[in-house]
Every structure is written in C-alpha cells, then in structure tokens.
C-alpha cells in the first residue's frame, strides 16, 4: 500500500503498448512497501507500590508516518527530475493532464491530436486503473500511445512514467500528453517530470471544485473548463469558478472550451504553442 495516499501496491502496475494483437509488457516494480517499525516499549518502572501505567505515544506514530511520506515523495521527486532531464534532452514538451473521471480529458486529447497532429508529432501516456479503452481511442487517431494500468493505484508516479517513456520512446522535439488517472487528489502530489500541469474540469461538476480540491488547483499551471456547450443547461458560474481557482493559485491561467464542438479550442492550442 502507498504510504502517502493509501492506494494499492504498485507491483500490479502494467505498461502496455497497444498492437493489433495486444501484448502486455509487464514491468514489475520492486517497491519495498514493507516497513519495519521497531518501537521498543519495554518500560521498566521499579516502584514499591503498584500502579498500572499505560504508555501511549501517538506522536511517535505521527512522526513516523510523516517521515515515511517524505521519503516516498523524495524518491519520487528524484526520479521525476531524471525524467524531466531526459525529456528536456530530447526537446519533448510533456504536459500532465489531470481531472476527475468523466471531465472529457480523452475527448480533448482526441480533438487536439486531430487538429494539431499534422504540425507536430504527438504521443500519449494513458493512465487508468484498468482496461485499454482510452489507449485504444488514442491509437485510433494514429497517435503513438502507451497504457499504464495502475491496478489499485489512484495516480501515476515518476517510476511508472519512466517505464512508460522507455516503452513509448517519444520522438525528439515532439509533444507528449500524460493523461493521469481520474482523481483530483493524489495526482497533485506526484511529480512525473512534466513541463506543465493542466487540470480539466467540466461544467457538470460544480463551480466549487477549486475550493474542495485546493491542492490540485494550487499545483496547476492551466485550468480548462470543458463542456462549455452545456453551460445553458447547467448551474455553473465560470466567473465564480475562476475566482475560486485564483484564490488558491493567483497565477493560474483559465480557458473555457468545448472539446466536442470546438468552442474556445484555439486558446488551448495557443497556450500549448507558448510552452
């Protein structure tokens, strides 16, 4: 179990490049998640009169948990920096795209690949707990893609990213999208080595998402408000959402668009071009 967020053991992670006849390339990760915590509690108290003494040390356990989390994230950050250096050396622009499930990330990537794929080589790392469904959708666009199935894991991490890069081998001077596992909590904690972070929310999710999940929005470079074509039919205030988002991240850029109709999509392409 991940000591940082409580998700499943990464030994179940699978890295797969979709083929006509899919072959799973299993990359088992030797992540030692067994933690021997020795807590000597042999307290000898020679007292002449007998008084039962219960010695509880809740602060020791809290300290150990924080220390372990720091070690996990420090190890991840080291691998992320190596990934970042590898990508920079090839001139690959990597964008980590994060959201809750159903916000329209995959639809946005399909549209993006169709519109700008002829101008710049694009590849995709797909993150999901199970299935090849999204990877197959991306493959149908003609784009190179690798699927990372995390099993019980709720986020990608830098080691998964490293293995995905090895399998995908993106071309020099290309654009790489990382579609993270649908989750507005844990992916914010784990640097993958990306250049920028993009958070996608949809107008069907509610205006208050930035206040409920502040860490995700604080870590983002860009927020895309997707499904703008549904604004006439839902109770969503774009201006108020923008205000909430910038209350946790004053430098945050915001784009409202519809990946389905193409409304506002040019702003997204302009933002990519400036990275």
Protein backbone atom coordinates (compact mmCIF):
# COMPACT_ATOMS: atom_id res chain seq x y z
CA UNK A 1 0.00 0.00 0.00
CA UNK A 2 1.24 3.50 -0.83
CA UNK A 3 2.26 5.17 2.43
CA UNK A 4 1.49 8.61 1.04
CA UNK A 5 -2.10 8.29 -0.15
CA UNK A 6 -3.12 4.77 0.88
CA UNK A 7 -3.62 3.38 -2.64
CA UNK A 8 -2.66 -0.13 -3.73
CA UNK A 9 0.69 -1.80 -4.16
CA UNK A 10 2.44 -0.75 -7.39
CA UNK A 11 3.57 -4.31 -8.12
CA UNK A 12 0.28 -4.64 -10.02
CA UNK A 13 1.22 -1.89 -12.49
CA UNK A 14 1.18 -2.89 -16.18
CA UNK A 15 2.76 -0.94 -19.06
CA UNK A 16 1.20 -1.87 -22.42
CA UNK A 17 1.79 -0.64 -25.96
CA UNK A 18 -1.40 -1.32 -27.95
CA UNK A 19 -0.91 -3.52 -31.02
CA UNK A 20 -3.25 -5.20 -33.46
CA UNK A 21 -2.97 -8.17 -31.12
CA UNK A 22 -2.29 -6.59 -27.72
CA UNK A 23 0.64 -7.99 -25.79
CA UNK A 24 1.07 -6.98 -22.19
CA UNK A 25 4.55 -5.86 -21.32
CA UNK A 26 4.69 -6.34 -17.62
CA UNK A 27 7.22 -4.22 -15.85
CA UNK A 28 7.19 -5.33 -12.29
CA UNK A 29 8.47 -2.77 -9.84
CA UNK A 30 10.33 -3.93 -6.84
CA UNK A 31 8.86 -1.41 -4.45
CA UNK A 32 9.57 -2.41 -0.94
CA UNK A 33 6.43 -1.35 0.87
CA UNK A 34 7.16 -3.43 3.96
CA UNK A 35 8.19 -1.10 6.69
CA UNK A 36 9.75 -2.50 9.84
CA UNK A 37 8.90 -0.08 12.58
CA UNK A 38 10.64 -1.07 15.78
CA UNK A 39 9.02 0.50 18.75
CA UNK A 40 10.77 -0.67 21.90
CA UNK A 41 8.21 -0.17 24.60
CA UNK A 42 9.92 -2.07 27.37
CA UNK A 43 9.42 0.34 30.19
CA UNK A 44 10.80 -0.91 33.48
CA UNK A 45 9.50 1.05 36.42
CA UNK A 46 10.63 -0.33 39.74
CA UNK A 47 8.04 1.13 42.10
CA UNK A 48 7.29 -0.13 45.54
CA UNK A 49 3.58 0.44 45.11
CA UNK A 50 1.70 -0.99 42.19
CA UNK A 51 0.10 1.44 39.77
CA UNK A 52 -0.78 0.26 36.25
CA UNK A 53 0.97 2.52 33.74
CA UNK A 54 -0.32 2.76 30.19
CA UNK A 55 2.27 4.45 27.97
CA UNK A 56 0.71 5.79 24.76
CA UNK A 57 2.91 7.57 22.27
CA UNK A 58 0.61 8.84 19.48
CA UNK A 59 3.11 11.49 18.43
CA UNK A 60 5.74 8.85 17.64
CA UNK A 61 3.44 7.17 15.12
CA UNK A 62 2.52 10.53 13.57
CA UNK A 63 6.21 11.39 13.20
CA UNK A 64 6.96 8.04 11.58
CA UNK A 65 4.08 8.47 9.10
CA UNK A 66 5.21 11.94 8.07
CA UNK A 67 8.82 10.77 7.71
CA UNK A 68 7.77 7.85 5.53
CA UNK A 69 5.65 10.12 3.34
CA UNK A 70 8.59 12.46 2.94
CA UNK A 71 10.83 9.56 1.90
CA UNK A 72 8.28 8.30 -0.65
CA UNK A 73 7.85 11.75 -2.20
CA UNK A 74 11.60 12.46 -2.11
CA UNK A 75 12.30 9.25 -4.01
CA UNK A 76 9.55 10.10 -6.49
CA UNK A 77 10.87 13.64 -6.97
CA UNK A 78 14.37 12.34 -7.70
CA UNK A 79 13.06 10.04 -10.43
CA UNK A 80 10.85 12.86 -11.74
CA UNK A 81 13.89 15.13 -12.13
CA UNK A 82 15.64 12.41 -14.09
CA UNK A 83 12.56 12.08 -16.31
CA UNK A 84 12.50 15.84 -16.77
CA UNK A 85 16.14 15.87 -17.80
CA UNK A 86 15.58 13.02 -20.25
CA UNK A 87 12.61 14.81 -21.82
CA UNK A 88 14.44 18.14 -21.99
CA UNK A 89 17.41 16.48 -23.63
CA UNK A 90 15.11 15.33 -26.42
CA UNK A 91 13.18 18.57 -26.62
CA UNK A 92 9.93 16.79 -25.68
CA UNK A 93 7.21 19.00 -24.19
CA UNK A 94 5.38 16.90 -21.58
CA UNK A 95 2.00 18.05 -20.23
CA UNK A 96 0.42 16.26 -17.28
CA UNK A 97 -3.37 16.36 -17.82
CA UNK A 98 -5.37 15.70 -14.64
CA UNK A 99 -9.05 15.70 -13.74
CA UNK A 100 -11.83 13.80 -12.05
CA UNK A 101 -13.34 10.91 -14.07
CA UNK A 102 -15.64 11.97 -16.88
CA UNK A 103 -14.41 15.53 -17.37
CA UNK A 104 -13.58 14.90 -21.03
CA UNK A 105 -9.77 14.51 -20.95
CA UNK A 106 -9.68 11.80 -23.59
CA UNK A 107 -12.11 13.65 -25.86
CA UNK A 108 -9.95 16.77 -25.52
CA UNK A 109 -6.84 14.79 -26.48
CA UNK A 110 -8.58 13.16 -29.46
CA UNK A 111 -9.59 16.58 -30.76
CA UNK A 112 -6.16 18.06 -30.09
CA UNK A 113 -4.35 15.27 -31.92
CA UNK A 114 -6.71 15.59 -34.89
CA UNK A 115 -6.23 19.37 -35.08
CA UNK A 116 -2.50 19.80 -34.45
CA UNK A 117 -1.07 16.34 -35.03
CA UNK A 118 -0.14 17.28 -38.59
CA UNK A 119 2.00 20.17 -37.36
CA UNK A 120 3.84 18.40 -34.56
CA UNK A 121 4.42 14.80 -33.59
CA UNK A 122 2.26 13.84 -30.63
CA UNK A 123 2.36 10.85 -28.29
CA UNK A 124 0.32 9.96 -25.22
CA UNK A 125 0.77 8.13 -21.93
CA UNK A 126 -2.63 6.89 -20.75
CA UNK A 127 -3.18 6.24 -17.05
CA UNK A 128 -6.11 4.16 -15.78
CA UNK A 129 -6.59 1.57 -13.10
CA UNK A 130 -7.79 -0.98 -15.64
CA UNK A 131 -8.66 -1.51 -19.34
CA UNK A 132 -7.14 -0.33 -22.63
CA UNK A 133 -10.25 1.64 -23.59
CA UNK A 134 -8.71 5.12 -23.63
CA UNK A 135 -5.45 3.92 -25.17
CA UNK A 136 -7.42 2.31 -28.00
CA UNK A 137 -9.30 5.57 -28.59
CA UNK A 138 -6.00 7.45 -28.84
CA UNK A 139 -4.46 4.74 -31.06
CA UNK A 140 -7.39 5.15 -33.46
CA UNK A 141 -6.20 8.72 -34.14
CA UNK A 142 -2.90 7.33 -35.43
CA UNK A 143 -1.02 8.67 -32.42
CA UNK A 144 1.65 6.68 -30.56
CA UNK A 145 0.33 5.69 -27.14
CA UNK A 146 1.24 3.54 -24.17
CA UNK A 147 -1.21 2.42 -21.48
CA UNK A 148 -0.28 2.37 -17.80
CA UNK A 149 -2.74 0.34 -15.73
CA UNK A 150 -2.18 1.06 -12.06
CA UNK A 151 -4.35 -1.71 -10.62
CA UNK A 152 -5.46 -0.46 -7.21
CA UNK A 153 -3.31 2.67 -7.58
CA UNK A 154 -5.06 6.02 -7.86
CA UNK A 155 -2.32 8.01 -9.60
CA UNK A 156 0.72 7.76 -11.84
CA UNK A 157 4.13 8.23 -10.28
CA UNK A 158 7.60 9.02 -11.62
CA UNK A 159 8.72 5.38 -11.82
CA UNK A 160 5.64 4.44 -13.84
CA UNK A 161 6.38 7.43 -16.05
CA UNK A 162 9.98 6.32 -16.51
CA UNK A 163 8.87 2.87 -17.65
CA UNK A 164 6.21 4.38 -19.91
CA UNK A 165 8.81 6.61 -21.56
CA UNK A 166 11.02 3.57 -22.16
CA UNK A 167 8.14 1.74 -23.85
CA UNK A 168 6.85 4.77 -25.78
CA UNK A 169 10.19 6.34 -26.78
CA UNK A 170 8.70 9.70 -27.88
CA UNK A 171 10.34 11.37 -30.85
CA UNK A 172 12.69 14.34 -30.35
CA UNK A 173 11.01 17.76 -30.41
CA UNK A 174 7.56 16.20 -30.01
CA UNK A 175 4.56 16.85 -27.76
CA UNK A 176 3.72 14.35 -25.03
CA UNK A 177 0.39 14.29 -23.22
CA UNK A 178 0.15 12.36 -19.96
CA UNK A 179 -3.48 11.54 -19.19
CA UNK A 180 -3.32 10.82 -15.48
CA UNK A 181 -5.69 8.56 -13.56
CA UNK A 182 -9.04 10.30 -12.98
CA UNK A 183 -8.64 11.74 -9.48
CA UNK A 184 -8.49 15.30 -8.12
CA UNK A 185 -6.48 14.37 -5.03
CA UNK A 186 -3.43 12.11 -5.26
CA UNK A 187 -2.04 13.02 -8.72
CA UNK A 188 -1.36 16.52 -7.37
CA UNK A 189 1.26 15.08 -5.01
CA UNK A 190 3.33 13.18 -7.56
CA UNK A 191 5.68 14.98 -9.94
CA UNK A 192 6.19 12.92 -13.10
CA UNK A 193 8.83 15.10 -14.73
CA UNK A 194 6.33 17.11 -16.80
CA UNK A 195 6.86 20.67 -18.02
CA UNK A 196 3.38 21.87 -17.02
CA UNK A 197 0.22 20.64 -15.32
CA UNK A 198 -3.22 21.01 -16.85
CA UNK A 199 -6.39 20.45 -14.80
CA UNK A 200 -9.62 19.77 -16.70
CA UNK A 201 -12.98 20.27 -15.04
CA UNK A 202 -16.37 20.17 -16.72
CA UNK A 203 -19.34 22.46 -16.20
CA UNK A 204 -21.34 19.47 -14.97
CA UNK A 205 -19.09 19.07 -11.91
CA UNK A 206 -19.96 22.23 -9.98
CA UNK A 207 -18.50 25.71 -9.55
CA UNK A 208 -16.87 24.98 -6.19
CA UNK A 209 -14.34 22.32 -7.31
CA UNK A 210 -11.28 24.58 -6.69
CA UNK A 211 -12.33 25.11 -3.08
CA UNK A 212 -12.98 21.42 -2.44
CA UNK A 213 -9.72 20.25 -4.03
CA UNK A 214 -7.31 23.16 -3.44
CA UNK A 215 -4.07 21.16 -3.69
CA UNK A 216 -4.81 20.13 -7.26
CA UNK A 217 -5.57 23.68 -8.36
CA UNK A 218 -2.60 25.10 -6.45
CA UNK A 219 -0.31 22.72 -8.37
CA UNK A 220 -1.78 23.52 -11.81
CA UNK A 221 -0.45 25.84 -14.50
CA UNK A 222 -3.67 25.84 -16.51
CA UNK A 223 -7.30 25.01 -15.79
CA UNK A 224 -9.57 24.07 -18.69
CA UNK A 225 -13.31 24.40 -18.06
CA UNK A 226 -14.65 21.83 -20.52
CA UNK A 227 -18.12 21.10 -21.93
CA UNK A 228 -18.89 24.81 -22.38
CA UNK A 229 -21.61 23.83 -24.86
CA UNK A 230 -23.64 22.63 -21.85
CA UNK A 231 -23.49 25.94 -19.96
CA UNK A 232 -27.06 26.94 -20.92
CA UNK A 233 -28.36 23.76 -19.30
CA UNK A 234 -26.40 23.56 -16.03
CA UNK A 235 -25.89 25.69 -12.94
CA UNK A 236 -22.24 26.63 -13.40
CA UNK A 237 -20.71 30.09 -12.95
CA UNK A 238 -17.46 30.39 -14.95
CA UNK A 239 -16.50 33.73 -13.39
CA UNK A 240 -17.05 32.46 -9.85
CA UNK A 241 -15.12 29.26 -10.58
CA UNK A 242 -12.25 31.38 -11.89
CA UNK A 243 -12.36 33.49 -8.71
CA UNK A 244 -12.25 30.35 -6.55
CA UNK A 245 -9.38 28.85 -8.55
CA UNK A 246 -7.28 32.02 -8.35
CA UNK A 247 -7.93 32.29 -4.62
CA UNK A 248 -5.72 29.18 -4.21
CA UNK A 249 -3.41 29.95 -7.17
CA UNK A 250 -3.29 33.62 -8.22
CA UNK A 251 -1.13 32.88 -11.29
CA UNK A 252 -3.48 30.25 -12.69
CA UNK A 253 -4.48 30.56 -16.33
CA UNK A 254 -8.09 29.64 -17.24
CA UNK A 255 -9.59 28.57 -20.57
CA UNK A 256 -13.27 27.77 -21.18
CA UNK A 257 -13.89 25.47 -24.14
CA UNK A 258 -15.86 22.58 -25.57
CA UNK A 259 -13.81 19.65 -26.80
CA UNK A 260 -16.94 18.38 -28.56
CA UNK A 261 -17.92 21.48 -30.57
CA UNK A 262 -14.52 23.18 -30.75
CA UNK A 263 -15.74 26.32 -28.99
CA UNK A 264 -12.72 28.10 -27.46
CA UNK A 265 -10.32 25.34 -28.53
CA UNK A 266 -7.94 27.79 -30.28
CA UNK A 267 -7.00 29.26 -26.88
CA UNK A 268 -5.84 25.81 -25.81
CA UNK A 269 -3.65 25.43 -28.89
CA UNK A 270 -2.20 28.92 -28.38
CA UNK A 271 -1.33 28.03 -24.80
CA UNK A 272 0.46 24.85 -25.93
CA UNK A 273 2.42 26.79 -28.55
CA UNK A 274 3.72 29.16 -25.86
CA UNK A 275 5.06 26.41 -23.60
